[in-house]
C-alpha atoms as a PDB file:
ATOM      1  CA  UNK A   1       0.050  -0.094   0.035  1.00  0.00           C
ATOM      2  CA  UNK A   2       1.124   3.634  -0.999  1.00  0.00           C
ATOM      3  CA  UNK A   3       1.366   5.939   2.311  1.00  0.00           C
ATOM      4  CA  UNK A   4       1.266   9.609   2.092  1.00  0.00           C
ATOM      5  CA  UNK A   5       1.508  11.991   5.188  1.00  0.00           C
ATOM      6  CA  UNK A   6      -0.414  14.947   5.781  1.00  0.00           C
ATOM      7  CA  UNK A   7       2.599  16.977   6.468  1.00  0.00           C
ATOM      8  CA  UNK A   8       6.328  17.083   5.423  1.00  0.00           C
ATOM      9  CA  UNK A   9       7.013  17.505   9.327  1.00  0.00           C
ATOM     10  CA  UNK A  10       4.800  14.164  10.091  1.00  0.00           C
ATOM     11  CA  UNK A  11       6.523  12.344   7.185  1.00  0.00           C
ATOM     12  CA  UNK A  12      10.207  13.259   8.604  1.00  0.00           C
ATOM     13  CA  UNK A  13       9.229  12.309  11.882  1.00  0.00           C
ATOM     14  CA  UNK A  14       7.911   8.879  10.745  1.00  0.00           C
ATOM     15  CA  UNK A  15      10.719   8.164   8.722  1.00  0.00           C
ATOM     16  CA  UNK A  16      13.559   8.905  11.533  1.00  0.00           C
ATOM     17  CA  UNK A  17      13.662   6.665  14.390  1.00  0.00           C
ATOM     18  CA  UNK A  18      15.163   9.348  16.584  1.00  0.00           C
ATOM     19  CA  UNK A  19      12.718  12.182  15.837  1.00  0.00           C
ATOM     20  CA  UNK A  20       9.916   9.719  16.172  1.00  0.00           C
ATOM     21  CA  UNK A  21      11.253   8.659  19.496  1.00  0.00           C
ATOM     22  CA  UNK A  22      11.787  11.972  20.672  1.00  0.00           C
ATOM     23  CA  UNK A  23       7.947  12.931  19.477  1.00  0.00           C
ATOM     24  CA  UNK A  24       6.567   9.664  21.241  1.00  0.00           C
ATOM     25  CA  UNK A  25       8.611   7.981  23.394  1.00  0.00           C
ATOM     26  CA  UNK A  26      10.400   4.663  22.334  1.00  0.00           C
ATOM     27  CA  UNK A  27       7.522   2.034  23.395  1.00  0.00           C
ATOM     28  CA  UNK A  28       4.901   4.500  21.000  1.00  0.00           C
ATOM     29  CA  UNK A  29       7.593   4.648  18.406  1.00  0.00           C
ATOM     30  CA  UNK A  30       7.939   1.254  17.957  1.00  0.00           C
ATOM     31  CA  UNK A  31       4.113   0.713  17.801  1.00  0.00           C
ATOM     32  CA  UNK A  32       4.081   3.430  15.182  1.00  0.00           C
ATOM     33  CA  UNK A  33       6.678   2.238  13.025  1.00  0.00           C
ATOM     34  CA  UNK A  34       5.241  -1.387  13.156  1.00  0.00           C
ATOM     35  CA  UNK A  35       1.915   0.004  11.769  1.00  0.00           C
ATOM     36  CA  UNK A  36       3.254   1.478   9.277  1.00  0.00           C
ATOM     37  CA  UNK A  37       5.346  -1.291   7.988  1.00  0.00           C
ATOM     38  CA  UNK A  38       2.128  -3.450   8.203  1.00  0.00           C
ATOM     39  CA  UNK A  39       0.287  -0.535   6.175  1.00  0.00           C
ATOM     40  CA  UNK A  40       3.185  -0.568   3.703  1.00  0.00           C
ATOM     41  CA  UNK A  41       2.912  -4.413   3.640  1.00  0.00           C
ATOM     42  CA  UNK A  42      -0.546  -4.760   2.847  1.00  0.00           C
ATOM     43  CA  UNK A  43      -2.210  -5.073  -0.551  1.00  0.00           C
ATOM     44  CA  UNK A  44      -5.391  -3.258   0.592  1.00  0.00           C
ATOM     45  CA  UNK A  45      -6.770  -1.871   3.652  1.00  0.00           C
ATOM     46  CA  UNK A  46      -8.426  -5.327   3.938  1.00  0.00           C
ATOM     47  CA  UNK A  47      -5.292  -6.953   5.130  1.00  0.00           C
ATOM     48  CA  UNK A  48      -5.025  -4.573   7.855  1.00  0.00           C
ATOM     49  CA  UNK A  49      -8.315  -4.618   8.819  1.00  0.00           C
ATOM     50  CA  UNK A  50      -8.127  -8.529  10.050  1.00  0.00           C
ATOM     51  CA  UNK A  51      -4.924  -8.286  11.947  1.00  0.00           C
ATOM     52  CA  UNK A  52      -6.258  -8.590  15.659  1.00  0.00           C
ATOM     53  CA  UNK A  53      -3.599  -6.708  16.916  1.00  0.00           C
ATOM     54  CA  UNK A  54      -4.398  -3.434  15.152  1.00  0.00           C
ATOM     55  CA  UNK A  55      -7.981  -3.453  15.597  1.00  0.00           C
ATOM     56  CA  UNK A  56      -8.430  -0.937  12.420  1.00  0.00           C
ATOM     57  CA  UNK A  57     -11.797   0.371  12.139  1.00  0.00           C
ATOM     58  CA  UNK A  58     -13.818   3.457  10.659  1.00  0.00           C
ATOM     59  CA  UNK A  59     -14.212   6.351  12.875  1.00  0.00           C
ATOM     60  CA  UNK A  60     -17.146   8.509  13.664  1.00  0.00           C
ATOM     61  CA  UNK A  61     -18.620  11.919  14.872  1.00  0.00           C
ATOM     62  CA  UNK A  62     -15.686  14.229  14.401  1.00  0.00           C
ATOM     63  CA  UNK A  63     -13.772  11.596  12.694  1.00  0.00           C
ATOM     64  CA  UNK A  64     -15.923  10.542   9.961  1.00  0.00           C
ATOM     65  CA  UNK A  65     -14.070   9.711   6.866  1.00  0.00           C
ATOM     66  CA  UNK A  66     -10.999   8.800   9.025  1.00  0.00           C
ATOM     67  CA  UNK A  67      -9.748   5.156  10.101  1.00  0.00           C
ATOM     68  CA  UNK A  68      -7.618   4.315  13.113  1.00  0.00           C
ATOM     69  CA  UNK A  69      -5.086   1.431  14.187  1.00  0.00           C
ATOM     70  CA  UNK A  70      -4.504   1.089  17.864  1.00  0.00           C
ATOM     71  CA  UNK A  71      -1.068   1.637  19.122  1.00  0.00           C
ATOM     72  CA  UNK A  72      -0.379   1.884  23.103  1.00  0.00           C
ATOM     73  CA  UNK A  73      -4.295   2.869  24.953  1.00  0.00           C
ATOM     74  CA  UNK A  74      -5.718   5.381  24.422  1.00  0.00           C
ATOM     75  CA  UNK A  75      -3.677   6.157  21.425  1.00  0.00           C
ATOM     76  CA  UNK A  76      -4.152   5.335  17.710  1.00  0.00           C
ATOM     77  CA  UNK A  77      -2.708   6.274  14.458  1.00  0.00           C
ATOM     78  CA  UNK A  78      -5.216   8.045  12.345  1.00  0.00           C
ATOM     79  CA  UNK A  79      -5.283   8.120   8.540  1.00  0.00           C
ATOM     80  CA  UNK A  80      -7.847   8.187   5.817  1.00  0.00           C
ATOM     81  CA  UNK A  81      -8.274   6.750   2.336  1.00  0.00           C
ATOM     82  CA  UNK A  82      -6.034   8.394   0.048  1.00  0.00           C
ATOM     83  CA  UNK A  83      -6.830   6.768  -3.327  1.00  0.00           C
ATOM     84  CA  UNK A  84      -7.699   9.292  -6.394  1.00  0.00           C
ATOM     85  CA  UNK A  85     -10.923   8.481  -5.922  1.00  0.00           C
ATOM     86  CA  UNK A  86     -12.317   6.729  -2.629  1.00  0.00           C
ATOM     87  CA  UNK A  87     -13.479   3.085  -3.390  1.00  0.00           C
ATOM     88  CA  UNK A  88     -17.045   2.965  -2.291  1.00  0.00           C
ATOM     89  CA  UNK A  89     -19.693   0.007  -2.440  1.00  0.00           C
ATOM     90  CA  UNK A  90     -22.728  -0.130  -3.768  1.00  0.00           C
ATOM     91  CA  UNK A  91     -24.578   0.764  -0.088  1.00  0.00           C
ATOM     92  CA  UNK A  92     -22.179   4.104  -0.279  1.00  0.00           C
ATOM     93  CA  UNK A  93     -19.750   2.628   2.355  1.00  0.00           C
ATOM     94  CA  UNK A  94     -15.946   2.129   1.772  1.00  0.00           C
ATOM     95  CA  UNK A  95     -14.804  -0.489  -0.229  1.00  0.00           C
ATOM     96  CA  UNK A  96     -11.816  -1.694   1.925  1.00  0.00           C
ATOM     97  CA  UNK A  97     -10.733  -4.046  -0.823  1.00  0.00           C
ATOM     98  CA  UNK A  98     -10.248  -0.995  -3.179  1.00  0.00           C
ATOM     99  CA  UNK A  99      -8.034   1.282  -0.607  1.00  0.00           C
ATOM    100  CA  UNK A 100      -4.367   0.662  -1.760  1.00  0.00           C
ATOM    101  CA  UNK A 101      -3.337   4.038  -0.606  1.00  0.00           C
ATOM    102  CA  UNK A 102      -3.481   5.850   2.719  1.00  0.00           C
ATOM    103  CA  UNK A 103      -2.681   9.434   4.036  1.00  0.00           C
ATOM    104  CA  UNK A 104      -1.456   9.230   7.564  1.00  0.00           C
ATOM    105  CA  UNK A 105      -2.753  12.134   9.599  1.00  0.00           C
ATOM    106  CA  UNK A 106      -1.339  11.695  13.306  1.00  0.00           C
ATOM    107  CA  UNK A 107      -1.309  10.071  16.535  1.00  0.00           C
ATOM    108  CA  UNK A 108      -3.902  10.701  18.837  1.00  0.00           C
ATOM    109  CA  UNK A 109      -6.560   9.748  21.865  1.00  0.00           C
ATOM    110  CA  UNK A 110      -9.544   9.727  20.056  1.00  0.00           C
ATOM    111  CA  UNK A 111     -11.810   9.504  22.816  1.00  0.00           C
ATOM    112  CA  UNK A 112     -10.174  12.703  24.786  1.00  0.00           C
END
């Protein structure tokens, strides 16, 4: 899967172990790298959906249109589909099989 980043700063951070550890601490930095590696290795979002440790799911409310994967509780890696046109099912829901690119938005506690 292709991975894009919302900002150049976030991209630089996520691609540098030192900057990632400085920003998030060693434990969370390690989990962020793991999730990014899992996303990169996946053919589509469906692959990530079925990784039990990632708990990938669509968000609601203020975060509608975004998805997240678990890091360390309560933090999650937030992203959104980044295909040229977002793949949709006939019922209007997201077609997880069609998502082959994501844009990383950031790391947040979505419940706070």
